[in-house]
Protein backbone atom coordinates (compact mmCIF):
# COMPACT_ATOMS: atom_id res chain seq x y z
CA ILE A 1 -0.18 -0.03 0.05
CA SER A 2 1.45 3.32 -0.80
CA TYR A 3 0.44 6.14 0.93
CA THR A 4 0.08 9.98 -0.91
CA LEU A 5 0.23 12.95 0.38
CA ASN A 6 -3.04 14.98 -0.10
CA THR A 7 -3.77 18.34 1.95
CA GLY A 8 -1.26 17.30 4.45
CA THR A 9 -2.75 13.70 5.55
CA ALA A 10 -1.65 10.57 4.75
CA MET A 11 -4.09 8.43 2.73
CA PRO A 12 -4.03 4.73 1.33
CA SER A 13 -4.77 4.91 -2.37
CA ILE A 14 -7.05 2.10 -1.97
CA MET A 15 -9.11 4.46 0.48
CA LYS A 16 -8.99 7.13 -1.53
CA GLY A 17 -10.78 5.00 -4.44
CA GLU A 18 -13.42 3.80 -1.81
CA PHE A 19 -14.13 7.34 -0.88
CA PHE A 20 -14.64 8.29 -4.65
CA VAL A 21 -17.13 5.62 -4.63
CA TYR A 22 -18.91 6.64 -1.83
CA ALA A 23 -19.22 10.53 -2.84
CA SER A 24 -20.25 9.48 -6.07
CA ILE A 25 -22.71 7.00 -4.46
CA ILE A 26 -23.92 10.10 -2.22
CA VAL A 27 -24.03 12.59 -5.02
CA SER A 28 -26.37 10.07 -6.97
CA ILE A 29 -28.83 9.48 -4.03
CA ILE A 30 -29.08 13.59 -3.73
CA SER A 31 -29.66 14.11 -7.20
CA VAL A 32 -32.15 11.17 -7.68
CA VAL A 33 -33.92 12.54 -3.59
CA GLY A 34 -33.68 15.98 -5.20
CA SER A 35 -35.52 15.23 -8.40
CA PHE A 36 -38.35 13.40 -6.26
CA ILE A 37 -38.68 16.30 -4.07
CA LEU A 38 -38.93 19.03 -7.06
CA VAL A 39 -41.77 16.71 -9.26
CA TYR A 40 -43.63 16.43 -5.72
CA LEU A 41 -43.50 20.01 -4.80
CA SER A 42 -44.72 20.53 -8.61
CA VAL A 43 -47.41 18.10 -8.25
CA ILE A 44 -47.79 20.44 -4.98
CA LYS A 45 -48.47 23.63 -6.83
CA ASP A 46 -49.98 22.56 -9.63
CA SER A 47 -53.08 21.30 -7.42
CA PHE A 48 -52.88 24.54 -5.60
CA ASP A 49 -53.27 26.34 -8.69
CA GLN A 50 -55.87 23.89 -10.10
CA LYS A 51 -57.85 24.36 -6.67
CA ARG A 52 -57.15 28.55 -6.95
CA SER A 53 -58.31 28.69 -10.72
CA VAL A 54 -61.81 26.60 -9.42
CA GLN A 55 -62.44 28.87 -6.35
CA ASN A 56 -61.91 32.09 -8.62
CA GLU A 57 -64.59 30.56 -11.01
CA GLN A 58 -66.84 29.88 -8.49
CA LEU A 59 -66.38 33.43 -7.31
CA GLU A 60 -66.64 35.06 -10.79
CA LYS A 61 -69.79 32.76 -12.05
CA PHE A 62 -71.85 32.40 -8.70
CA TYR A 63 -70.75 33.57 -5.41
CA ILE A 64 -70.06 37.35 -6.46
CA PRO A 65 -73.40 37.36 -8.86
CA PHE A 66 -75.42 36.07 -5.83
CA TYR A 67 -74.10 38.08 -3.35
CA LYS A 68 -74.55 41.61 -5.49
CA MET A 69 -78.41 40.20 -5.81
CA TYR A 70 -78.42 39.57 -1.86
CA CYS A 71 -77.40 42.90 -1.12
CA ARG A 72 -79.39 44.73 -3.84
CA SER A 73 -82.57 43.39 -3.42
CA PHE A 74 -82.28 43.33 0.39
CA MET A 75 -82.99 39.94 0.56
CA SER A 76 -81.89 40.14 4.63
CA ASN A 77 -84.53 42.05 5.57
CA ILE A 78 -87.04 40.83 3.19
CA LYS A 79 -89.40 37.61 3.37
CA LEU A 80 -88.14 35.91 -0.08
CA SER A 81 -91.68 35.02 -0.96
CA SER A 82 -92.61 38.81 -1.03
CA PHE A 83 -90.23 39.13 -3.61
CA PRO A 84 -91.48 39.27 -7.32
CA LEU A 85 -91.47 35.80 -9.17
CA ASP A 86 -89.06 37.36 -11.43
CA VAL A 87 -86.53 37.91 -8.43
CA ARG A 88 -87.16 34.39 -7.28
CA LEU A 89 -86.50 32.99 -10.91
CA ASN A 90 -83.15 34.92 -11.10
CA ILE A 91 -82.26 33.46 -8.24
CA LEU A 92 -83.16 29.43 -9.71
CA ASP A 93 -81.82 30.73 -12.84
CA LEU A 94 -78.03 31.73 -11.65
CA MET A 95 -77.91 28.25 -9.21
CA SER A 96 -79.10 26.04 -12.48
CA ASP A 97 -76.52 27.95 -14.63
CA ASN A 98 -74.04 27.23 -12.15
CA ILE A 99 -74.64 24.45 -10.24
CA GLN A 100 -71.34 22.81 -10.97
CA PHE A 101 -69.79 25.91 -8.88
CA LEU A 102 -71.88 25.59 -5.93
CA GLU A 103 -70.66 23.66 -2.73
CA PRO A 104 -72.25 20.22 -1.23
CA LEU A 105 -74.62 22.14 1.04
CA SER A 106 -76.08 24.45 -1.24
CA GLN A 107 -76.28 21.81 -4.33
CA SER A 108 -77.67 19.83 -1.66
CA LEU A 109 -80.98 22.54 -1.11
CA TYR A 110 -81.17 23.04 -4.59
CA PRO A 111 -83.84 20.74 -5.46
CA LYS A 112 -85.49 21.61 -2.39
CA TYR A 113 -85.77 25.25 -3.35
CA TYR A 114 -86.93 24.46 -6.80
CA ARG A 115 -89.78 22.34 -5.54
CA CYS A 116 -90.99 24.74 -2.98
CA LEU A 117 -90.77 27.58 -5.77
CA LEU A 118 -92.75 25.53 -8.11
CA ASP A 119 -95.36 24.83 -5.06
CA LEU A 120 -95.62 28.51 -4.10
CA MET A 121 -95.90 29.29 -7.97
CA GLU A 122 -99.19 26.89 -7.81
CA ALA A 123 -100.64 28.71 -4.57
CA GLU A 124 -99.99 31.83 -6.36
CA ASP A 125 -102.23 30.76 -9.00
CA LEU A 126 -104.93 29.74 -6.43
CA ASN A 127 -104.52 25.81 -7.00
CA PRO A 128 -106.48 25.05 -3.96
CA ARG A 129 -104.06 21.98 -3.09
CA PHE A 130 -101.27 24.40 -2.15
CA PRO A 131 -102.36 26.75 0.92
CA LEU A 132 -101.02 30.22 0.47
CA GLU A 133 -99.46 30.56 3.95
CA GLU A 134 -98.22 27.32 4.60
CA THR A 135 -96.49 26.87 1.32
CA GLN A 136 -94.94 30.54 1.39
CA GLN A 137 -94.05 29.51 4.95
CA GLU A 138 -91.94 26.44 3.55
CA PHE A 139 -90.49 28.16 0.83
CA ASP A 140 -89.10 30.92 3.36
CA ASP A 141 -87.93 28.59 5.33
CA ILE A 142 -85.89 26.63 2.54
CA SER A 143 -84.84 29.96 0.93
CA GLU A 144 -83.51 31.36 4.35
CA GLN A 145 -81.28 27.46 4.96
CA LEU A 146 -80.03 28.17 1.00
CA ILE A 147 -79.39 31.81 1.63
CA GLN A 148 -77.67 31.40 4.55
CA ALA A 149 -75.55 28.39 3.01
CA ILE A 150 -74.57 30.21 0.05
CA LEU A 151 -73.35 33.28 2.17
CA ASP A 152 -71.39 31.09 4.37
CA GLU A 153 -69.56 28.93 1.55
CA TYR A 154 -69.09 32.55 -0.08
CA LYS A 155 -67.22 33.89 2.87
CA ASP A 156 -65.08 30.68 3.20
CA ILE A 157 -63.92 30.45 -0.85
CA LEU A 158 -62.68 34.59 0.18
CA LYS A 159 -61.19 33.42 3.27
CA LYS A 160 -59.35 30.54 1.17
CA CYS A 161 -58.33 33.26 -1.56
CA HIS A 162 -57.40 35.40 1.31
CA LEU A 163 -59.62 38.52 0.19
CA PRO A 164 -61.82 40.89 2.35
CA VAL A 165 -64.90 39.07 3.49
CA PRO A 166 -68.02 41.11 4.68
CA SER A 167 -69.45 40.79 7.65
CA ILE A 168 -72.62 39.18 7.00
C-alpha cells in the first residue's frame, strides 16, 4: 500500500478510491431525492393553482353575482316569498346555470328550493292543493337555509383566496 500526501494527511490509495465511490453514490442519491422532491413540489403547486382557479371561477360565476343580488334586493330584511316572481326565478336561474360551482350544502338545497318555488307558484295561482300561507312559510324556510348556506360558502371561499370577507 502506498501513501500519498493529500492536504497534509496521508491516505492509502485504496481508501482514496473507496472515498470517490462513496462520494459518487451520495451525489447520485442526492440527485435522485432532489428530483423526486422537485416533482412532488411541482404537483403540489399545480394542485394549489388548479384549486385556486376553481375557487376564482366559483366566485366570478356564482357567489359574487349572488351576493350582489342579495345586497341589492335587501334579501336580509325581506322574506323571499314577498319578492316578485322574476327575482325568485333569477335566483333559480343563477343556481341552475352554475350548479357545478356550488358547494355541496347549497347543491343539496337546490332541489328543495326548486320544489318549494314550484309549489309557491301553484299557491299564487290559487291552486287549492297548495295553501298559500303554508306554502309561503315552507318556501321562506328553505330559502333562508339556502341563502345562509350560500353566504357561508361565499365567506369560506373568500377566506381561502385571502380576499376581504364581508360581515354578513
